PDB file of N, CA and C in Angstrom:
ATOM      1  N   MET A   1     -21.292   3.796 -10.563  1.00  0.00           N
ATOM      2  CA  MET A   1     -20.210   4.609 -11.089  1.00  0.00           C
ATOM      3  C   MET A   1     -19.590   5.394  -9.944  1.00  0.00           C
ATOM      4  N   PRO A   2     -18.278   5.435  -9.890  1.00  0.00           N
ATOM      5  CA  PRO A   2     -17.602   6.147  -8.803  1.00  0.00           C
ATOM      6  C   PRO A   2     -17.768   7.667  -8.917  1.00  0.00           C
ATOM      7  N   ASN A   3     -17.540   8.340  -7.802  1.00  0.00           N
ATOM      8  CA  ASN A   3     -17.664   9.797  -7.748  1.00  0.00           C
ATOM      9  C   ASN A   3     -16.337  10.514  -7.973  1.00  0.00           C
ATOM     10  N   ILE A   4     -15.244   9.857  -7.647  1.00  0.00           N
ATOM     11  CA  ILE A   4     -13.935  10.490  -7.741  1.00  0.00           C
ATOM     12  C   ILE A   4     -13.468  10.456  -9.202  1.00  0.00           C
ATOM     13  N   LYS A   5     -12.950  11.610  -9.658  1.00  0.00           N
ATOM     14  CA  LYS A   5     -12.601  11.760 -11.067  1.00  0.00           C
ATOM     15  C   LYS A   5     -11.529  10.774 -11.518  1.00  0.00           C
ATOM     16  N   SER A   6     -10.498  10.567 -10.712  1.00  0.00           N
ATOM     17  CA  SER A   6      -9.418   9.658 -11.107  1.00  0.00           C
ATOM     18  C   SER A   6      -9.904   8.209 -11.176  1.00  0.00           C
ATOM     19  N   VAL A   7     -10.831   7.868 -10.300  1.00  0.00           N
ATOM     20  CA  VAL A   7     -11.377   6.508 -10.320  1.00  0.00           C
ATOM     21  C   VAL A   7     -12.272   6.316 -11.545  1.00  0.00           C
ATOM     22  N   LYS A   8     -12.987   7.363 -11.920  1.00  0.00           N
ATOM     23  CA  LYS A   8     -13.792   7.301 -13.149  1.00  0.00           C
ATOM     24  C   LYS A   8     -12.892   7.030 -14.352  1.00  0.00           C
ATOM     25  N   LYS A   9     -11.755   7.734 -14.390  1.00  0.00           N
ATOM     26  CA  LYS A   9     -10.807   7.538 -15.482  1.00  0.00           C
ATOM     27  C   LYS A   9     -10.253   6.108 -15.467  1.00  0.00           C
ATOM     28  N   ASP A  10      -9.970   5.611 -14.266  1.00  0.00           N
ATOM     29  CA  ASP A  10      -9.470   4.245 -14.154  1.00  0.00           C
ATOM     30  C   ASP A  10     -10.478   3.232 -14.674  1.00  0.00           C
ATOM     31  N   VAL A  11     -11.745   3.456 -14.378  1.00  0.00           N
ATOM     32  CA  VAL A  11     -12.800   2.551 -14.837  1.00  0.00           C
ATOM     33  C   VAL A  11     -12.869   2.561 -16.366  1.00  0.00           C
ATOM     34  N   ILE A  12     -12.806   3.747 -16.950  1.00  0.00           N
ATOM     35  CA  ILE A  12     -12.852   3.870 -18.403  1.00  0.00           C
ATOM     36  C   ILE A  12     -11.646   3.176 -19.026  1.00  0.00           C
ATOM     37  N   LYS A  13     -10.470   3.402 -18.458  1.00  0.00           N
ATOM     38  CA  LYS A  13      -9.251   2.805 -18.988  1.00  0.00           C
ATOM     39  C   LYS A  13      -9.282   1.281 -18.867  1.00  0.00           C
ATOM     40  N   SER A  14      -9.758   0.775 -17.742  1.00  0.00           N
ATOM     41  CA  SER A  14      -9.794  -0.674 -17.568  1.00  0.00           C
ATOM     42  C   SER A  14     -10.785  -1.321 -18.531  1.00  0.00           C
ATOM     43  N   ARG A  15     -11.874  -0.629 -18.840  1.00  0.00           N
ATOM     44  CA  ARG A  15     -12.831  -1.157 -19.824  1.00  0.00           C
ATOM     45  C   ARG A  15     -12.215  -1.215 -21.211  1.00  0.00           C
ATOM     46  N   LYS A  16     -11.476  -0.153 -21.580  1.00  0.00           N
ATOM     47  CA  LYS A  16     -10.795  -0.146 -22.878  1.00  0.00           C
ATOM     48  C   LYS A  16      -9.773  -1.277 -22.964  1.00  0.00           C
ATOM     49  N   ASN A  17      -8.986  -1.440 -21.900  1.00  0.00           N
ATOM     50  CA  ASN A  17      -7.990  -2.507 -21.867  1.00  0.00           C
ATOM     51  C   ASN A  17      -8.642  -3.876 -21.951  1.00  0.00           C
ATOM     52  N   HIS A  18      -9.767  -4.030 -21.267  1.00  0.00           N
ATOM     53  CA  HIS A  18     -10.503  -5.292 -21.279  1.00  0.00           C
ATOM     54  C   HIS A  18     -10.952  -5.631 -22.697  1.00  0.00           C
ATOM     55  N   GLU A  19     -11.481  -4.647 -23.404  1.00  0.00           N
ATOM     56  CA  GLU A  19     -11.928  -4.855 -24.782  1.00  0.00           C
ATOM     57  C   GLU A  19     -10.744  -5.232 -25.680  1.00  0.00           C
ATOM     58  N   ARG A  20      -9.627  -4.542 -25.496  1.00  0.00           N
ATOM     59  CA  ARG A  20      -8.439  -4.826 -26.298  1.00  0.00           C
ATOM     60  C   ARG A  20      -7.910  -6.230 -26.004  1.00  0.00           C
ATOM     61  N   ASN A  21      -7.920  -6.623 -24.734  1.00  0.00           N
ATOM     62  CA  ASN A  21      -7.445  -7.954 -24.361  1.00  0.00           C
ATOM     63  C   ASN A  21      -8.338  -9.040 -24.954  1.00  0.00           C
ATOM     64  N   ILE A  22      -9.642  -8.832 -24.913  1.00  0.00           N
ATOM     65  CA  ILE A  22     -10.574  -9.803 -25.482  1.00  0.00           C
ATOM     66  C   ILE A  22     -10.328  -9.937 -26.981  1.00  0.00           C
ATOM     67  N   SER A  23     -10.121  -8.823 -27.642  1.00  0.00           N
ATOM     68  CA  SER A  23      -9.866  -8.835 -29.076  1.00  0.00           C
ATOM     69  C   SER A  23      -8.577  -9.586 -29.402  1.00  0.00           C
ATOM     70  N   ALA A  24      -7.537  -9.344 -28.628  1.00  0.00           N
ATOM     71  CA  ALA A  24      -6.253 -10.000 -28.868  1.00  0.00           C
ATOM     72  C   ALA A  24      -6.350 -11.504 -28.627  1.00  0.00           C
ATOM     73  N   LYS A  25      -7.063 -11.902 -27.567  1.00  0.00           N
ATOM     74  CA  LYS A  25      -7.252 -13.331 -27.289  1.00  0.00           C
ATOM     75  C   LYS A  25      -8.025 -13.997 -28.417  1.00  0.00           C
ATOM     76  N   SER A  26      -9.045 -13.316 -28.891  1.00  0.00           N
ATOM     77  CA  SER A  26      -9.860 -13.862 -29.969  1.00  0.00           C
ATOM     78  C   SER A  26      -9.041 -14.045 -31.236  1.00  0.00           C
ATOM     79  N   ALA A  27      -8.220 -13.059 -31.553  1.00  0.00           N
ATOM     80  CA  ALA A  27      -7.361 -13.155 -32.743  1.00  0.00           C
ATOM     81  C   ALA A  27      -6.376 -14.306 -32.601  1.00  0.00           C
ATOM     82  N   MET A  28      -5.816 -14.458 -31.411  1.00  0.00           N
ATOM     83  CA  MET A  28      -4.875 -15.545 -31.159  1.00  0.00           C
ATOM     84  C   MET A  28      -5.554 -16.898 -31.359  1.00  0.00           C
ATOM     85  N   LYS A  29      -6.745 -17.042 -30.818  1.00  0.00           N
ATOM     86  CA  LYS A  29      -7.484 -18.299 -30.950  1.00  0.00           C
ATOM     87  C   LYS A  29      -7.834 -18.582 -32.408  1.00  0.00           C
ATOM     88  N   THR A  30      -8.131 -17.533 -33.167  1.00  0.00           N
ATOM     89  CA  THR A  30      -8.441 -17.700 -34.581  1.00  0.00           C
ATOM     90  C   THR A  30      -7.221 -18.213 -35.339  1.00  0.00           C
ATOM     91  N   PHE A  31      -6.044 -17.656 -35.058  1.00  0.00           N
ATOM     92  CA  PHE A  31      -4.822 -18.123 -35.698  1.00  0.00           C
ATOM     93  C   PHE A  31      -4.551 -19.588 -35.350  1.00  0.00           C
ATOM     94  N   ILE A  32      -4.806 -19.963 -34.099  1.00  0.00           N
ATOM     95  CA  ILE A  32      -4.589 -21.348 -33.680  1.00  0.00           C
ATOM     96  C   ILE A  32      -5.544 -22.282 -34.418  1.00  0.00           C
ATOM     97  N   LYS A  33      -6.804 -21.886 -34.531  1.00  0.00           N
ATOM     98  CA  LYS A  33      -7.788 -22.713 -35.234  1.00  0.00           C
ATOM     99  C   LYS A  33      -7.417 -22.866 -36.709  1.00  0.00           C
ATOM    100  N   LYS A  34      -6.969 -21.781 -37.330  1.00  0.00           N
ATOM    101  CA  LYS A  34      -6.559 -21.844 -38.733  1.00  0.00           C
ATOM    102  C   LYS A  34      -5.366 -22.788 -38.897  1.00  0.00           C
ATOM    103  N   ALA A  35      -4.421 -22.720 -37.974  1.00  0.00           N
ATOM    104  CA  ALA A  35      -3.243 -23.584 -38.051  1.00  0.00           C
ATOM    105  C   ALA A  35      -3.639 -25.050 -37.873  1.00  0.00           C
ATOM    106  N   LYS A  36      -4.508 -25.327 -36.912  1.00  0.00           N
ATOM    107  CA  LYS A  36      -4.943 -26.708 -36.691  1.00  0.00           C
ATOM    108  C   LYS A  36      -5.685 -27.254 -37.899  1.00  0.00           C
ATOM    109  N   SER A  37      -6.541 -26.439 -38.481  1.00  0.00           N
ATOM    110  CA  SER A  37      -7.282 -26.917 -39.650  1.00  0.00           C
ATOM    111  C   SER A  37      -6.350 -27.100 -40.843  1.00  0.00           C
ATOM    112  N   ALA A  38      -5.341 -26.237 -40.975  1.00  0.00           N
ATOM    113  CA  ALA A  38      -4.371 -26.390 -42.060  1.00  0.00           C
ATOM    114  C   ALA A  38      -3.563 -27.670 -41.880  1.00  0.00           C
ATOM    115  N   VAL A  39      -3.213 -27.976 -40.654  1.00  0.00           N
ATOM    116  CA  VAL A  39      -2.462 -29.199 -40.373  1.00  0.00           C
ATOM    117  C   VAL A  39      -3.329 -30.420 -40.661  1.00  0.00           C
ATOM    118  N   ASP A  40      -4.597 -30.373 -40.274  1.00  0.00           N
ATOM    119  CA  ASP A  40      -5.479 -31.516 -40.452  1.00  0.00           C
ATOM    120  C   ASP A  40      -5.829 -31.771 -41.914  1.00  0.00           C
ATOM    121  N   THR A  41      -6.024 -30.703 -42.679  1.00  0.00           N
ATOM    122  CA  THR A  41      -6.499 -30.877 -44.048  1.00  0.00           C
ATOM    123  C   THR A  41      -5.387 -31.035 -45.069  1.00  0.00           C
ATOM    124  N   GLY A  42      -4.323 -30.290 -44.899  1.00  0.00           N
ATOM    125  CA  GLY A  42      -3.282 -30.277 -45.928  1.00  0.00           C
ATOM    126  C   GLY A  42      -2.055 -31.069 -45.554  1.00  0.00           C
ATOM    127  N   ASP A  43      -1.096 -30.998 -46.432  1.00  0.00           N
ATOM    128  CA  ASP A  43       0.203 -31.614 -46.198  1.00  0.00           C
ATOM    129  C   ASP A  43       0.944 -30.791 -45.149  1.00  0.00           C
ATOM    130  N   VAL A  44       1.474 -31.466 -44.133  1.00  0.00           N
ATOM    131  CA  VAL A  44       2.119 -30.765 -43.018  1.00  0.00           C
ATOM    132  C   VAL A  44       3.382 -30.041 -43.472  1.00  0.00           C
ATOM    133  N   LYS A  45       4.024 -30.549 -44.505  1.00  0.00           N
ATOM    134  CA  LYS A  45       5.262 -29.939 -44.990  1.00  0.00           C
ATOM    135  C   LYS A  45       5.021 -28.817 -46.002  1.00  0.00           C
ATOM    136  N   SER A  46       3.763 -28.584 -46.391  1.00  0.00           N
ATOM    137  CA  SER A  46       3.488 -27.551 -47.390  1.00  0.00           C
ATOM    138  C   SER A  46       3.748 -26.161 -46.820  1.00  0.00           C
ATOM    139  N   ALA A  47       3.987 -25.224 -47.708  1.00  0.00           N
ATOM    140  CA  ALA A  47       4.335 -23.859 -47.295  1.00  0.00           C
ATOM    141  C   ALA A  47       3.175 -23.182 -46.572  1.00  0.00           C
ATOM    142  N   ASP A  48       1.951 -23.434 -47.019  1.00  0.00           N
ATOM    143  CA  ASP A  48       0.788 -22.804 -46.390  1.00  0.00           C
ATOM    144  C   ASP A  48       0.607 -23.276 -44.944  1.00  0.00           C
ATOM    145  N   THR A  49       0.800 -24.560 -44.727  1.00  0.00           N
ATOM    146  CA  THR A  49       0.643 -25.115 -43.380  1.00  0.00           C
ATOM    147  C   THR A  49       1.742 -24.613 -42.455  1.00  0.00           C
ATOM    148  N   VAL A  50       2.959 -24.603 -42.944  1.00  0.00           N
ATOM    149  CA  VAL A  50       4.086 -24.115 -42.138  1.00  0.00           C
ATOM    150  C   VAL A  50       3.878 -22.647 -41.791  1.00  0.00           C
ATOM    151  N   GLU A  51       3.394 -21.877 -42.750  1.00  0.00           N
ATOM    152  CA  GLU A  51       3.137 -20.447 -42.516  1.00  0.00           C
ATOM    153  C   GLU A  51       2.019 -20.250 -41.501  1.00  0.00           C
ATOM    154  N   ALA A  52       0.972 -21.070 -41.563  1.00  0.00           N
ATOM    155  CA  ALA A  52      -0.142 -20.961 -40.612  1.00  0.00           C
ATOM    156  C   ALA A  52       0.325 -21.258 -39.193  1.00  0.00           C
ATOM    157  N   VAL A  53       1.158 -22.281 -39.046  1.00  0.00           N
ATOM    158  CA  VAL A  53       1.684 -22.624 -37.719  1.00  0.00           C
ATOM    159  C   VAL A  53       2.605 -21.513 -37.223  1.00  0.00           C
ATOM    160  N   ARG A  54       3.418 -20.960 -38.116  1.00  0.00           N
ATOM    161  CA  ARG A  54       4.331 -19.868 -37.734  1.00  0.00           C
ATOM    162  C   ARG A  54       3.551 -18.643 -37.269  1.00  0.00           C
ATOM    163  N   LEU A  55       2.485 -18.305 -37.990  1.00  0.00           N
ATOM    164  CA  LEU A  55       1.669 -17.153 -37.610  1.00  0.00           C
ATOM    165  C   LEU A  55       0.947 -17.383 -36.286  1.00  0.00           C
ATOM    166  N   ALA A  56       0.522 -18.619 -36.049  1.00  0.00           N
ATOM    167  CA  ALA A  56      -0.135 -18.932 -34.778  1.00  0.00           C
ATOM    168  C   ALA A  56       0.846 -18.776 -33.617  1.00  0.00           C
ATOM    169  N   CYS A  57       2.056 -19.278 -33.782  1.00  0.00           N
ATOM    170  CA  CYS A  57       3.073 -19.143 -32.730  1.00  0.00           C
ATOM    171  C   CYS A  57       3.417 -17.673 -32.496  1.00  0.00           C
ATOM    172  N   LYS A  58       3.478 -16.917 -33.581  1.00  0.00           N
ATOM    173  CA  LYS A  58       3.763 -15.485 -33.467  1.00  0.00           C
ATOM    174  C   LYS A  58       2.651 -14.771 -32.692  1.00  0.00           C
ATOM    175  N   ALA A  59       1.397 -15.111 -32.976  1.00  0.00           N
ATOM    176  CA  ALA A  59       0.263 -14.494 -32.276  1.00  0.00           C
ATOM    177  C   ALA A  59       0.264 -14.867 -30.802  1.00  0.00           C
ATOM    178  N   ILE A  60       0.602 -16.115 -30.505  1.00  0.00           N
ATOM    179  CA  ILE A  60       0.668 -16.557 -29.108  1.00  0.00           C
ATOM    180  C   ILE A  60       1.760 -15.794 -28.374  1.00  0.00           C
ATOM    181  N   ASP A  61       2.925 -15.678 -28.994  1.00  0.00           N
ATOM    182  CA  ASP A  61       4.039 -14.962 -28.365  1.00  0.00           C
ATOM    183  C   ASP A  61       3.699 -13.493 -28.133  1.00  0.00           C
ATOM    184  N   LYS A  62       3.064 -12.885 -29.106  1.00  0.00           N
ATOM    185  CA  LYS A  62       2.719 -11.472 -28.996  1.00  0.00           C
ATOM    186  C   LYS A  62       1.709 -11.246 -27.869  1.00  0.00           C
ATOM    187  N   THR A  63       0.753 -12.151 -27.745  1.00  0.00           N
ATOM    188  CA  THR A  63      -0.248 -12.037 -26.692  1.00  0.00           C
ATOM    189  C   THR A  63       0.387 -12.190 -25.313  1.00  0.00           C
ATOM    190  N   ALA A  64       1.324 -13.111 -25.203  1.00  0.00           N
ATOM    191  CA  ALA A  64       2.015 -13.305 -23.925  1.00  0.00           C
ATOM    192  C   ALA A  64       2.926 -12.129 -23.609  1.00  0.00           C
ATOM    193  N   GLU A  65       3.565 -11.585 -24.629  1.00  0.00           N
ATOM    194  CA  GLU A  65       4.472 -10.452 -24.432  1.00  0.00           C
ATOM    195  C   GLU A  65       3.728  -9.239 -23.893  1.00  0.00           C
ATOM    196  N   ARG A  66       2.507  -9.063 -24.347  1.00  0.00           N
ATOM    197  CA  ARG A  66       1.693  -7.940 -23.875  1.00  0.00           C
ATOM    198  C   ARG A  66       1.087  -8.186 -22.500  1.00  0.00           C
ATOM    199  N   GLY A  67       1.247  -9.390 -21.976  1.00  0.00           N
ATOM    200  CA  GLY A  67       0.730  -9.696 -20.647  1.00  0.00           C
ATOM    201  C   GLY A  67      -0.731 -10.086 -20.641  1.00  0.00           C
ATOM    202  N   ILE A  68      -1.284 -10.402 -21.802  1.00  0.00           N
ATOM    203  CA  ILE A  68      -2.694 -10.767 -21.884  1.00  0.00           C
ATOM    204  C   ILE A  68      -2.892 -12.201 -21.418  1.00  0.00           C
ATOM    205  N   ILE A  69      -1.938 -13.070 -21.781  1.00  0.00           N
ATOM    206  CA  ILE A  69      -1.924 -14.425 -21.230  1.00  0.00           C
ATOM    207  C   ILE A  69      -0.572 -14.638 -20.564  1.00  0.00           C
ATOM    208  N   HIS A  70      -0.512 -15.598 -19.666  1.00  0.00           N
ATOM    209  CA  HIS A  70       0.718 -15.893 -18.946  1.00  0.00           C
ATOM    210  C   HIS A  70       1.701 -16.580 -19.878  1.00  0.00           C
ATOM    211  N   ARG A  71       2.980 -16.380 -19.639  1.00  0.00           N
ATOM    212  CA  ARG A  71       3.993 -16.953 -20.527  1.00  0.00           C
ATOM    213  C   ARG A  71       3.970 -18.477 -20.494  1.00  0.00           C
ATOM    214  N   ASN A  72       3.609 -19.065 -19.357  1.00  0.00           N
ATOM    215  CA  ASN A  72       3.515 -20.530 -19.301  1.00  0.00           C
ATOM    216  C   ASN A  72       2.337 -21.028 -20.137  1.00  0.00           C
ATOM    217  N   GLN A  73       1.260 -20.269 -20.140  1.00  0.00           N
ATOM    218  CA  GLN A  73       0.116 -20.641 -20.966  1.00  0.00           C
ATOM    219  C   GLN A  73       0.485 -20.549 -22.443  1.00  0.00           C
ATOM    220  N   ALA A  74       1.244 -19.528 -22.796  1.00  0.00           N
ATOM    221  CA  ALA A  74       1.693 -19.381 -24.182  1.00  0.00           C
ATOM    222  C   ALA A  74       2.576 -20.559 -24.575  1.00  0.00           C
ATOM    223  N   SER A  75       3.466 -20.933 -23.703  1.00  0.00           N
ATOM    224  CA  SER A  75       4.348 -22.059 -23.966  1.00  0.00           C
ATOM    225  C   SER A  75       3.548 -23.345 -24.130  1.00  0.00           C
ATOM    226  N   ARG A  76       2.564 -23.531 -23.298  1.00  0.00           N
ATOM    227  CA  ARG A  76       1.717 -24.729 -23.366  1.00  0.00           C
ATOM    228  C   ARG A  76       0.928 -24.771 -24.670  1.00  0.00           C
ATOM    229  N   ARG A  77       0.367 -23.642 -25.078  1.00  0.00           N
ATOM    230  CA  ARG A  77      -0.406 -23.592 -26.319  1.00  0.00           C
ATOM    231  C   ARG A  77       0.475 -23.896 -27.532  1.00  0.00           C
ATOM    232  N   LYS A  78       1.675 -23.316 -27.569  1.00  0.00           N
ATOM    233  CA  LYS A  78       2.588 -23.574 -28.681  1.00  0.00           C
ATOM    234  C   LYS A  78       3.026 -25.030 -28.694  1.00  0.00           C
ATOM    235  N   SER A  79       3.290 -25.570 -27.501  1.00  0.00           N
ATOM    236  CA  SER A  79       3.710 -26.957 -27.398  1.00  0.00           C
ATOM    237  C   SER A  79       2.626 -27.898 -27.906  1.00  0.00           C
ATOM    238  N   ARG A  80       1.396 -27.649 -27.542  1.00  0.00           N
ATOM    239  CA  ARG A  80       0.299 -28.502 -27.982  1.00  0.00           C
ATOM    240  C   ARG A  80       0.079 -28.394 -29.489  1.00  0.00           C
ATOM    241  N   LEU A  81       0.229 -27.200 -30.017  1.00  0.00           N
ATOM    242  CA  LEU A  81       0.074 -27.009 -31.454  1.00  0.00           C
ATOM    243  C   LEU A  81       1.162 -27.765 -32.219  1.00  0.00           C
ATOM    244  N   MET A  82       2.397 -27.639 -31.777  1.00  0.00           N
ATOM    245  CA  MET A  82       3.493 -28.325 -32.446  1.00  0.00           C
ATOM    246  C   MET A  82       3.385 -29.840 -32.273  1.00  0.00           C
ATOM    247  N   LYS A  83       2.936 -30.281 -31.109  1.00  0.00           N
ATOM    248  CA  LYS A  83       2.753 -31.711 -30.865  1.00  0.00           C
ATOM    249  C   LYS A  83       1.712 -32.272 -31.823  1.00  0.00           C
ATOM    250  N   HIS A  84       0.633 -31.519 -32.030  1.00  0.00           N
ATOM    251  CA  HIS A  84      -0.427 -31.934 -32.960  1.00  0.00           C
ATOM    252  C   HIS A  84       0.117 -32.004 -34.383  1.00  0.00           C
ATOM    253  N   ALA A  85       0.872 -30.985 -34.785  1.00  0.00           N
ATOM    254  CA  ALA A  85       1.434 -30.959 -36.138  1.00  0.00           C
ATOM    255  C   ALA A  85       2.408 -32.111 -36.344  1.00  0.00           C
ATOM    256  N   ASN A  86       3.246 -32.385 -35.365  1.00  0.00           N
ATOM    257  CA  ASN A  86       4.219 -33.473 -35.478  1.00  0.00           C
ATOM    258  C   ASN A  86       3.534 -34.836 -35.509  1.00  0.00           C
ATOM    259  N   LYS A  87       2.448 -34.971 -34.749  1.00  0.00           N
ATOM    260  CA  LYS A  87       1.705 -36.227 -34.744  1.00  0.00           C
ATOM    261  C   LYS A  87       1.102 -36.503 -36.112  1.00  0.00           C
ATOM    262  N   VAL A  88       0.494 -35.474 -36.702  1.00  0.00           N
ATOM    263  CA  VAL A  88      -0.109 -35.625 -38.021  1.00  0.00           C
ATOM    264  C   VAL A  88       0.974 -35.896 -39.065  1.00  0.00           C
ATOM    265  N   ALA A  89       2.110 -35.236 -38.926  1.00  0.00           N
ATOM    266  CA  ALA A  89       3.213 -35.431 -39.880  1.00  0.00           C
ATOM    267  C   ALA A  89       3.755 -36.854 -39.808  1.00  0.00           C
ATOM    268  N   SER A  90       3.866 -37.383 -38.599  1.00  0.00           N
ATOM    269  CA  SER A  90       4.423 -38.734 -38.464  1.00  0.00           C
ATOM    270  C   SER A  90       3.446 -39.803 -38.952  1.00  0.00           C
ATOM    271  N   THR A  91       2.160 -39.580 -38.799  1.00  0.00           N
ATOM    272  CA  THR A  91       1.195 -40.577 -39.268  1.00  0.00           C
ATOM    273  C   THR A  91       1.046 -40.541 -40.791  1.00  0.00           C
ATOM    274  N   SER A  92       1.222 -39.368 -41.383  1.00  0.00           N
ATOM    275  CA  SER A  92       1.083 -39.258 -42.837  1.00  0.00           C
ATOM    276  C   SER A  92       2.336 -39.741 -43.569  1.00  0.00           C
ATOM    277  N   ALA A  93       3.466 -39.711 -42.874  1.00  0.00           N
ATOM    278  CA  ALA A  93       4.724 -40.112 -43.533  1.00  0.00           C
ATOM    279  C   ALA A  93       4.940 -41.605 -43.534  1.00  0.00           C
TER     280      ALA A  93
END
């Protein structure tokens, strides 16, 4: 533990931020998993599946906006999710 008061505060703040970032990443991953499972199990055109994919994209965007993940990573995750949904939609149709 550091001796300087401002550095102690920085350590505490960085730990809090780290916990918040981990929580946000976990929530984002949960939304993605829910969307993928909704796409795999249900009809891709159903309202529940469309809503799950929309919420996953929203969570990804929010995480990138806060700087927790890089914007290119967010774009890649959304692209892969939509590619998966479109693939399932085309095979079922």
